[in-house]
Amino acid sequence: MNKQCELIEKIYKDASMGRFSTQKLLENLKGKDNKITGDVEEIFNGYSSYEEKAKEILLSRNITPVEEGNMTKMMSSMGIFKEVLTDNSDSAIADLLIQGLLMGEVEMKKRVDNASDDVNKDDLDLAKEFLKFQKKSHKTMEKYL
């Protein structure tokens, strides 16, 4: 990782994985009567937006964005499929999403809090905005528990 772009690379990786996971979740919910679907779509759109913003920044700095590996994605896909197959209630889906959001939230909070003075202010602002999105999404999911 490029030291100057670590924060943006982390946002890209997390947003990319979040988009991938929520996309898989939405595919597994297709044709089911879940009230949570609209909120999952909003989270998907949020992740997609942050993924795109981070990607544009990285490309403008001549850095190739790196996503999570195929193994991580495959494990996520299989886990989502298994969870939805086992229990596709809104509560179970919210719990699944909260777990993922919380992991990302904790990691991003640490990075924001420990950002050094040489981190680009715009990068830090985007990280704070992404963290706020994660917290808001987490809060939205709590109503389904």
N, C-alpha and C. Protein backbone atom coordinates (compact mmCIF):
# COMPACT_ATOMS: atom_id res chain seq x y z
N MET A 1 0.83 -1.19 0.00
CA MET A 1 0.00 0.00 0.00
C MET A 1 0.87 1.25 0.00
N ASN A 2 0.48 2.21 -0.77
CA ASN A 2 1.15 3.50 -0.80
C ASN A 2 0.80 4.24 0.48
N LYS A 3 1.81 4.63 1.26
CA LYS A 3 1.60 5.25 2.58
C LYS A 3 0.67 6.47 2.48
N GLN A 4 0.86 7.30 1.45
CA GLN A 4 0.06 8.51 1.28
C GLN A 4 -1.41 8.19 0.96
N CYS A 5 -1.65 7.04 0.37
CA CYS A 5 -3.01 6.71 -0.08
C CYS A 5 -3.65 5.58 0.71
N GLU A 6 -3.03 5.18 1.83
CA GLU A 6 -3.54 4.06 2.62
C GLU A 6 -5.01 4.19 2.96
N LEU A 7 -5.40 5.37 3.39
CA LEU A 7 -6.78 5.60 3.80
C LEU A 7 -7.75 5.41 2.63
N ILE A 8 -7.42 5.97 1.49
CA ILE A 8 -8.28 5.83 0.30
C ILE A 8 -8.29 4.38 -0.17
N GLU A 9 -7.16 3.71 -0.11
CA GLU A 9 -7.11 2.30 -0.51
C GLU A 9 -7.99 1.46 0.42
N LYS A 10 -7.99 1.78 1.70
CA LYS A 10 -8.82 1.05 2.66
C LYS A 10 -10.31 1.33 2.41
N ILE A 11 -10.64 2.58 2.14
CA ILE A 11 -12.04 2.92 1.81
C ILE A 11 -12.47 2.13 0.58
N TYR A 12 -11.61 2.10 -0.44
CA TYR A 12 -11.94 1.39 -1.67
C TYR A 12 -12.18 -0.10 -1.39
N LYS A 13 -11.26 -0.71 -0.65
CA LYS A 13 -11.36 -2.13 -0.37
C LYS A 13 -12.63 -2.45 0.43
N ASP A 14 -12.89 -1.66 1.47
CA ASP A 14 -14.08 -1.89 2.31
C ASP A 14 -15.37 -1.63 1.54
N ALA A 15 -15.41 -0.55 0.78
CA ALA A 15 -16.62 -0.22 0.02
C ALA A 15 -16.85 -1.26 -1.08
N SER A 16 -15.79 -1.70 -1.70
CA SER A 16 -15.90 -2.71 -2.75
C SER A 16 -16.45 -4.02 -2.17
N MET A 17 -15.93 -4.43 -1.03
CA MET A 17 -16.40 -5.66 -0.40
C MET A 17 -17.83 -5.50 0.10
N GLY A 18 -18.16 -4.32 0.64
CA GLY A 18 -19.52 -4.05 1.08
C GLY A 18 -20.50 -4.07 -0.08
N ARG A 19 -20.11 -3.48 -1.20
CA ARG A 19 -20.96 -3.49 -2.39
C ARG A 19 -21.16 -4.92 -2.88
N PHE A 20 -20.08 -5.67 -2.94
CA PHE A 20 -20.16 -7.06 -3.40
C PHE A 20 -21.10 -7.87 -2.50
N SER A 21 -20.91 -7.74 -1.19
CA SER A 21 -21.71 -8.52 -0.23
C SER A 21 -23.19 -8.14 -0.27
N THR A 22 -23.48 -6.83 -0.32
CA THR A 22 -24.89 -6.43 -0.36
C THR A 22 -25.52 -6.80 -1.70
N GLN A 23 -24.73 -6.79 -2.77
CA GLN A 23 -25.24 -7.23 -4.07
C GLN A 23 -25.62 -8.71 -4.01
N LYS A 24 -24.76 -9.52 -3.42
CA LYS A 24 -25.05 -10.96 -3.27
C LYS A 24 -26.28 -11.16 -2.39
N LEU A 25 -26.38 -10.38 -1.35
CA LEU A 25 -27.53 -10.47 -0.45
C LEU A 25 -28.81 -10.14 -1.21
N LEU A 26 -28.77 -9.06 -1.99
CA LEU A 26 -29.96 -8.68 -2.77
C LEU A 26 -30.33 -9.76 -3.78
N GLU A 27 -29.33 -10.40 -4.39
CA GLU A 27 -29.61 -11.49 -5.33
C GLU A 27 -30.32 -12.64 -4.61
N ASN A 28 -29.89 -12.92 -3.38
CA ASN A 28 -30.49 -14.00 -2.61
C ASN A 28 -31.88 -13.65 -2.08
N LEU A 29 -32.18 -12.36 -1.99
CA LEU A 29 -33.49 -11.92 -1.51
C LEU A 29 -34.51 -11.76 -2.64
N LYS A 30 -34.03 -11.81 -3.88
CA LYS A 30 -34.91 -11.63 -5.03
C LYS A 30 -36.07 -12.63 -4.97
N GLY A 31 -37.28 -12.11 -5.12
CA GLY A 31 -38.47 -12.95 -5.12
C GLY A 31 -39.00 -13.26 -3.72
N LYS A 32 -38.31 -12.77 -2.71
CA LYS A 32 -38.78 -12.98 -1.34
C LYS A 32 -39.46 -11.71 -0.86
N ASP A 33 -40.33 -11.84 0.12
CA ASP A 33 -41.13 -10.71 0.59
C ASP A 33 -40.53 -10.11 1.87
N ASN A 34 -39.33 -9.53 1.75
CA ASN A 34 -38.68 -8.93 2.91
C ASN A 34 -38.85 -7.42 2.91
N LYS A 35 -39.20 -6.89 4.06
CA LYS A 35 -39.35 -5.44 4.20
C LYS A 35 -38.00 -4.73 4.18
N ILE A 36 -36.94 -5.45 4.49
CA ILE A 36 -35.60 -4.89 4.62
C ILE A 36 -34.94 -4.58 3.27
N THR A 37 -35.47 -5.13 2.18
CA THR A 37 -34.84 -5.04 0.87
C THR A 37 -34.53 -3.60 0.45
N GLY A 38 -35.45 -2.68 0.65
CA GLY A 38 -35.23 -1.28 0.26
C GLY A 38 -34.05 -0.67 1.00
N ASP A 39 -33.93 -0.97 2.28
CA ASP A 39 -32.80 -0.45 3.05
C ASP A 39 -31.49 -1.10 2.62
N VAL A 40 -31.53 -2.39 2.27
CA VAL A 40 -30.33 -3.07 1.78
C VAL A 40 -29.90 -2.43 0.45
N GLU A 41 -30.87 -2.09 -0.39
CA GLU A 41 -30.55 -1.41 -1.66
C GLU A 41 -29.88 -0.07 -1.42
N GLU A 42 -30.35 0.67 -0.42
CA GLU A 42 -29.73 1.96 -0.08
C GLU A 42 -28.29 1.77 0.39
N ILE A 43 -28.05 0.74 1.18
CA ILE A 43 -26.69 0.45 1.64
C ILE A 43 -25.82 0.06 0.45
N PHE A 44 -26.37 -0.77 -0.44
CA PHE A 44 -25.66 -1.14 -1.67
C PHE A 44 -25.26 0.10 -2.45
N ASN A 45 -26.21 1.02 -2.63
CA ASN A 45 -25.94 2.26 -3.38
C ASN A 45 -24.87 3.11 -2.69
N GLY A 46 -24.92 3.15 -1.36
CA GLY A 46 -23.91 3.90 -0.61
C GLY A 46 -22.52 3.31 -0.80
N TYR A 47 -22.42 2.00 -0.65
CA TYR A 47 -21.13 1.34 -0.85
C TYR A 47 -20.62 1.58 -2.28
N SER A 48 -21.52 1.47 -3.25
CA SER A 48 -21.14 1.68 -4.66
C SER A 48 -20.59 3.09 -4.87
N SER A 49 -21.23 4.06 -4.24
CA SER A 49 -20.80 5.45 -4.36
C SER A 49 -19.41 5.66 -3.77
N TYR A 50 -19.17 5.13 -2.57
CA TYR A 50 -17.86 5.29 -1.94
C TYR A 50 -16.78 4.51 -2.69
N GLU A 51 -17.15 3.36 -3.22
CA GLU A 51 -16.21 2.59 -4.03
C GLU A 51 -15.77 3.41 -5.24
N GLU A 52 -16.74 4.03 -5.90
CA GLU A 52 -16.44 4.82 -7.09
C GLU A 52 -15.61 6.05 -6.76
N LYS A 53 -15.96 6.75 -5.67
CA LYS A 53 -15.19 7.94 -5.27
C LYS A 53 -13.74 7.57 -4.98
N ALA A 54 -13.54 6.52 -4.21
CA ALA A 54 -12.18 6.10 -3.85
C ALA A 54 -11.41 5.64 -5.09
N LYS A 55 -12.09 4.94 -5.97
CA LYS A 55 -11.45 4.47 -7.21
C LYS A 55 -10.97 5.65 -8.06
N GLU A 56 -11.83 6.65 -8.20
CA GLU A 56 -11.46 7.84 -8.98
C GLU A 56 -10.23 8.53 -8.39
N ILE A 57 -10.19 8.64 -7.08
CA ILE A 57 -9.05 9.28 -6.41
C ILE A 57 -7.79 8.47 -6.66
N LEU A 58 -7.87 7.16 -6.49
CA LEU A 58 -6.69 6.32 -6.69
C LEU A 58 -6.20 6.40 -8.14
N LEU A 59 -7.12 6.31 -9.08
CA LEU A 59 -6.73 6.38 -10.49
C LEU A 59 -6.10 7.73 -10.84
N SER A 60 -6.63 8.80 -10.23
CA SER A 60 -6.07 10.13 -10.49
C SER A 60 -4.63 10.25 -9.95
N ARG A 61 -4.28 9.35 -9.02
CA ARG A 61 -2.93 9.33 -8.45
C ARG A 61 -2.08 8.20 -9.05
N ASN A 62 -2.58 7.67 -10.15
CA ASN A 62 -1.89 6.58 -10.86
C ASN A 62 -1.68 5.34 -9.99
N ILE A 63 -2.67 5.04 -9.17
CA ILE A 63 -2.64 3.85 -8.33
C ILE A 63 -3.79 2.95 -8.77
N THR A 64 -3.48 1.69 -9.01
CA THR A 64 -4.50 0.74 -9.41
C THR A 64 -5.24 0.25 -8.18
N PRO A 65 -6.56 0.45 -8.13
CA PRO A 65 -7.35 -0.02 -6.98
C PRO A 65 -7.28 -1.55 -6.87
N VAL A 66 -7.15 -2.04 -5.64
CA VAL A 66 -7.06 -3.48 -5.40
C VAL A 66 -8.24 -3.90 -4.53
N GLU A 67 -9.03 -4.83 -5.07
CA GLU A 67 -10.18 -5.36 -4.33
C GLU A 67 -9.74 -6.52 -3.45
N GLU A 68 -10.66 -6.99 -2.62
CA GLU A 68 -10.41 -8.20 -1.85
C GLU A 68 -10.22 -9.35 -2.84
N GLY A 69 -9.52 -10.37 -2.39
CA GLY A 69 -9.26 -11.52 -3.25
C GLY A 69 -10.51 -12.34 -3.52
N ASN A 70 -10.42 -13.19 -4.53
CA ASN A 70 -11.56 -14.03 -4.92
C ASN A 70 -11.97 -14.98 -3.81
N MET A 71 -11.01 -15.47 -3.03
CA MET A 71 -11.33 -16.39 -1.94
C MET A 71 -12.20 -15.70 -0.89
N THR A 72 -11.85 -14.47 -0.55
CA THR A 72 -12.64 -13.71 0.43
C THR A 72 -14.05 -13.49 -0.10
N LYS A 73 -14.15 -13.15 -1.38
CA LYS A 73 -15.46 -12.92 -1.99
C LYS A 73 -16.28 -14.21 -2.03
N MET A 74 -15.62 -15.31 -2.37
CA MET A 74 -16.32 -16.59 -2.44
C MET A 74 -16.84 -16.99 -1.06
N MET A 75 -16.01 -16.81 -0.03
CA MET A 75 -16.44 -17.14 1.33
C MET A 75 -17.62 -16.27 1.76
N SER A 76 -17.57 -14.99 1.40
CA SER A 76 -18.67 -14.09 1.71
C SER A 76 -19.95 -14.54 1.02
N SER A 77 -19.83 -14.85 -0.25
CA SER A 77 -20.98 -15.31 -1.04
C SER A 77 -21.62 -16.56 -0.44
N MET A 78 -20.76 -17.51 -0.10
CA MET A 78 -21.26 -18.77 0.47
C MET A 78 -21.91 -18.52 1.83
N GLY A 79 -21.31 -17.65 2.63
CA GLY A 79 -21.87 -17.34 3.94
C GLY A 79 -23.23 -16.68 3.83
N ILE A 80 -23.35 -15.74 2.90
CA ILE A 80 -24.62 -15.05 2.70
C ILE A 80 -25.68 -16.04 2.22
N PHE A 81 -25.33 -16.87 1.24
CA PHE A 81 -26.26 -17.86 0.71
C PHE A 81 -26.76 -18.78 1.83
N LYS A 82 -25.82 -19.26 2.65
CA LYS A 82 -26.15 -20.17 3.76
C LYS A 82 -27.08 -19.48 4.77
N GLU A 83 -26.75 -18.25 5.12
CA GLU A 83 -27.55 -17.52 6.11
C GLU A 83 -28.97 -17.28 5.60
N VAL A 84 -29.09 -16.85 4.35
CA VAL A 84 -30.42 -16.56 3.79
C VAL A 84 -31.22 -17.85 3.63
N LEU A 85 -30.54 -18.93 3.28
CA LEU A 85 -31.20 -20.22 3.13
C LEU A 85 -31.71 -20.72 4.49
N THR A 86 -30.90 -20.51 5.52
CA THR A 86 -31.24 -20.96 6.87
C THR A 86 -32.34 -20.10 7.48
N ASP A 87 -32.19 -18.77 7.36
CA ASP A 87 -33.16 -17.85 7.96
C ASP A 87 -33.13 -16.54 7.18
N ASN A 88 -34.15 -16.33 6.38
CA ASN A 88 -34.18 -15.09 5.59
C ASN A 88 -35.09 -14.03 6.20
N SER A 89 -35.30 -14.13 7.51
CA SER A 89 -36.11 -13.11 8.18
C SER A 89 -35.37 -11.77 8.16
N ASP A 90 -36.11 -10.70 8.22
CA ASP A 90 -35.49 -9.37 8.25
C ASP A 90 -34.52 -9.24 9.42
N SER A 91 -34.87 -9.83 10.54
CA SER A 91 -34.01 -9.77 11.72
C SER A 91 -32.67 -10.46 11.47
N ALA A 92 -32.69 -11.62 10.87
CA ALA A 92 -31.45 -12.36 10.59
C ALA A 92 -30.59 -11.62 9.57
N ILE A 93 -31.23 -11.03 8.57
CA ILE A 93 -30.50 -10.28 7.55
C ILE A 93 -29.89 -9.02 8.16
N ALA A 94 -30.65 -8.34 9.00
CA ALA A 94 -30.14 -7.15 9.68
C ALA A 94 -28.94 -7.52 10.54
N ASP A 95 -29.03 -8.63 11.25
CA ASP A 95 -27.93 -9.09 12.09
C ASP A 95 -26.68 -9.35 11.25
N LEU A 96 -26.85 -9.99 10.13
CA LEU A 96 -25.75 -10.27 9.21
C LEU A 96 -25.10 -8.97 8.72
N LEU A 97 -25.93 -8.03 8.32
CA LEU A 97 -25.40 -6.74 7.84
C LEU A 97 -24.72 -5.95 8.95
N ILE A 98 -25.31 -5.96 10.13
CA ILE A 98 -24.72 -5.22 11.25
C ILE A 98 -23.34 -5.76 11.57
N GLN A 99 -23.17 -7.08 11.52
CA GLN A 99 -21.85 -7.67 11.78
C GLN A 99 -20.81 -7.13 10.80
N GLY A 100 -21.15 -7.10 9.52
CA GLY A 100 -20.22 -6.60 8.52
C GLY A 100 -19.97 -5.11 8.67
N LEU A 101 -21.03 -4.36 8.89
CA LEU A 101 -20.89 -2.91 9.06
C LEU A 101 -20.05 -2.57 10.28
N LEU A 102 -20.26 -3.30 11.36
CA LEU A 102 -19.53 -3.04 12.60
C LEU A 102 -18.03 -3.32 12.44
N MET A 103 -17.69 -4.38 11.74
CA MET A 103 -16.28 -4.66 11.49
C MET A 103 -15.63 -3.51 10.72
N GLY A 104 -16.31 -3.06 9.68
CA GLY A 104 -15.79 -1.94 8.89
C GLY A 104 -15.73 -0.65 9.69
N GLU A 105 -16.76 -0.44 10.48
CA GLU A 105 -16.85 0.76 11.33
C GLU A 105 -15.68 0.86 12.30
N VAL A 106 -15.41 -0.23 12.99
CA VAL A 106 -14.33 -0.26 13.99
C VAL A 106 -12.99 0.01 13.32
N GLU A 107 -12.75 -0.66 12.21
CA GLU A 107 -11.47 -0.49 11.50
C GLU A 107 -11.31 0.94 10.97
N MET A 108 -12.37 1.49 10.40
CA MET A 108 -12.29 2.84 9.85
C MET A 108 -12.13 3.87 10.97
N LYS A 109 -12.81 3.67 12.08
CA LYS A 109 -12.68 4.58 13.23
C LYS A 109 -11.24 4.62 13.71
N LYS A 110 -10.62 3.46 13.82
CA LYS A 110 -9.21 3.40 14.23
C LYS A 110 -8.33 4.17 13.26
N ARG A 111 -8.56 3.97 11.98
CA ARG A 111 -7.74 4.65 10.97
C ARG A 111 -7.95 6.16 10.99
N VAL A 112 -9.19 6.59 11.17
CA VAL A 112 -9.48 8.03 11.23
C VAL A 112 -8.84 8.63 12.49
N ASP A 113 -9.03 7.96 13.61
CA ASP A 113 -8.50 8.48 14.87
C ASP A 113 -6.97 8.51 14.91
N ASN A 114 -6.35 7.58 14.21
CA ASN A 114 -4.89 7.48 14.23
C ASN A 114 -4.23 8.07 12.99
N ALA A 115 -5.01 8.78 12.19
CA ALA A 115 -4.45 9.37 10.96
C ALA A 115 -3.36 10.38 11.33
N SER A 116 -2.26 10.28 10.64
CA SER A 116 -1.16 11.20 10.92
C SER A 116 -1.40 12.54 10.23
N ASP A 117 -0.60 13.51 10.62
CA ASP A 117 -0.76 14.86 10.07
C ASP A 117 -0.47 14.93 8.58
N ASP A 118 0.25 13.95 8.05
CA ASP A 118 0.58 14.00 6.62
C ASP A 118 -0.49 13.39 5.72
N VAL A 119 -1.61 12.93 6.34
CA VAL A 119 -2.72 12.41 5.54
C VAL A 119 -3.42 13.59 4.89
N ASN A 120 -3.69 13.44 3.60
CA ASN A 120 -4.40 14.45 2.83
C ASN A 120 -5.74 14.76 3.52
N LYS A 121 -6.04 16.05 3.70
CA LYS A 121 -7.27 16.47 4.39
C LYS A 121 -8.51 15.95 3.67
N ASP A 122 -8.52 15.99 2.35
CA ASP A 122 -9.67 15.50 1.59
C ASP A 122 -9.86 13.99 1.79
N ASP A 123 -8.74 13.26 1.88
CA ASP A 123 -8.82 11.81 2.12
C ASP A 123 -9.42 11.54 3.49
N LEU A 124 -8.98 12.31 4.47
CA LEU A 124 -9.49 12.15 5.83
C LEU A 124 -10.98 12.50 5.89
N ASP A 125 -11.37 13.55 5.19
CA ASP A 125 -12.79 13.94 5.14
C ASP A 125 -13.64 12.84 4.52
N LEU A 126 -13.13 12.21 3.44
CA LEU A 126 -13.87 11.12 2.81
C LEU A 126 -13.97 9.93 3.76
N ALA A 127 -12.90 9.64 4.49
CA ALA A 127 -12.92 8.54 5.46
C ALA A 127 -13.94 8.81 6.57
N LYS A 128 -14.01 10.05 7.03
CA LYS A 128 -14.99 10.42 8.06
C LYS A 128 -16.41 10.29 7.52
N GLU A 129 -16.60 10.69 6.28
CA GLU A 129 -17.91 10.59 5.63
C GLU A 129 -18.31 9.11 5.47
N PHE A 130 -17.35 8.28 5.07
CA PHE A 130 -17.59 6.84 4.92
C PHE A 130 -17.95 6.22 6.27
N LEU A 131 -17.23 6.61 7.31
CA LEU A 131 -17.51 6.13 8.66
C LEU A 131 -18.93 6.52 9.09
N LYS A 132 -19.31 7.74 8.79
CA LYS A 132 -20.67 8.23 9.11
C LYS A 132 -21.72 7.39 8.37
N PHE A 133 -21.46 7.06 7.10
CA PHE A 133 -22.34 6.20 6.32
C PHE A 133 -22.48 4.82 6.97
N GLN A 134 -21.37 4.25 7.41
CA GLN A 134 -21.40 2.94 8.06
C GLN A 134 -22.24 2.98 9.33
N LYS A 135 -22.03 4.02 10.14
CA LYS A 135 -22.78 4.15 11.39
C LYS A 135 -24.28 4.32 11.13
N LYS A 136 -24.60 5.15 10.14
CA LYS A 136 -26.01 5.39 9.80
C LYS A 136 -26.66 4.10 9.30
N SER A 137 -25.94 3.36 8.46
CA SER A 137 -26.47 2.09 7.94
C SER A 137 -26.68 1.10 9.07
N HIS A 138 -25.73 1.06 9.98
CA HIS A 138 -25.82 0.19 11.16
C HIS A 138 -27.08 0.53 11.95
N LYS A 139 -27.29 1.82 12.19
CA LYS A 139 -28.46 2.29 12.95
C LYS A 139 -29.76 1.91 12.23
N THR A 140 -29.78 2.05 10.91
CA THR A 140 -30.95 1.69 10.11
C THR A 140 -31.31 0.22 10.29
N MET A 141 -30.29 -0.63 10.32
CA MET A 141 -30.51 -2.07 10.44
C MET A 141 -31.04 -2.47 11.81
N GLU A 142 -30.70 -1.69 12.84
CA GLU A 142 -31.12 -2.04 14.20
C GLU A 142 -32.64 -2.10 14.35
N LYS A 143 -33.36 -1.34 13.54
CA LYS A 143 -34.83 -1.36 13.67
C LYS A 143 -35.44 -2.71 13.26
N TYR A 144 -34.65 -3.54 12.57
CA TYR A 144 -35.16 -4.85 12.13
C TYR A 144 -34.86 -5.97 13.13
N LEU A 145 -34.07 -5.67 14.15
CA LEU A 145 -33.70 -6.72 15.12
C LEU A 145 -34.87 -7.12 16.01
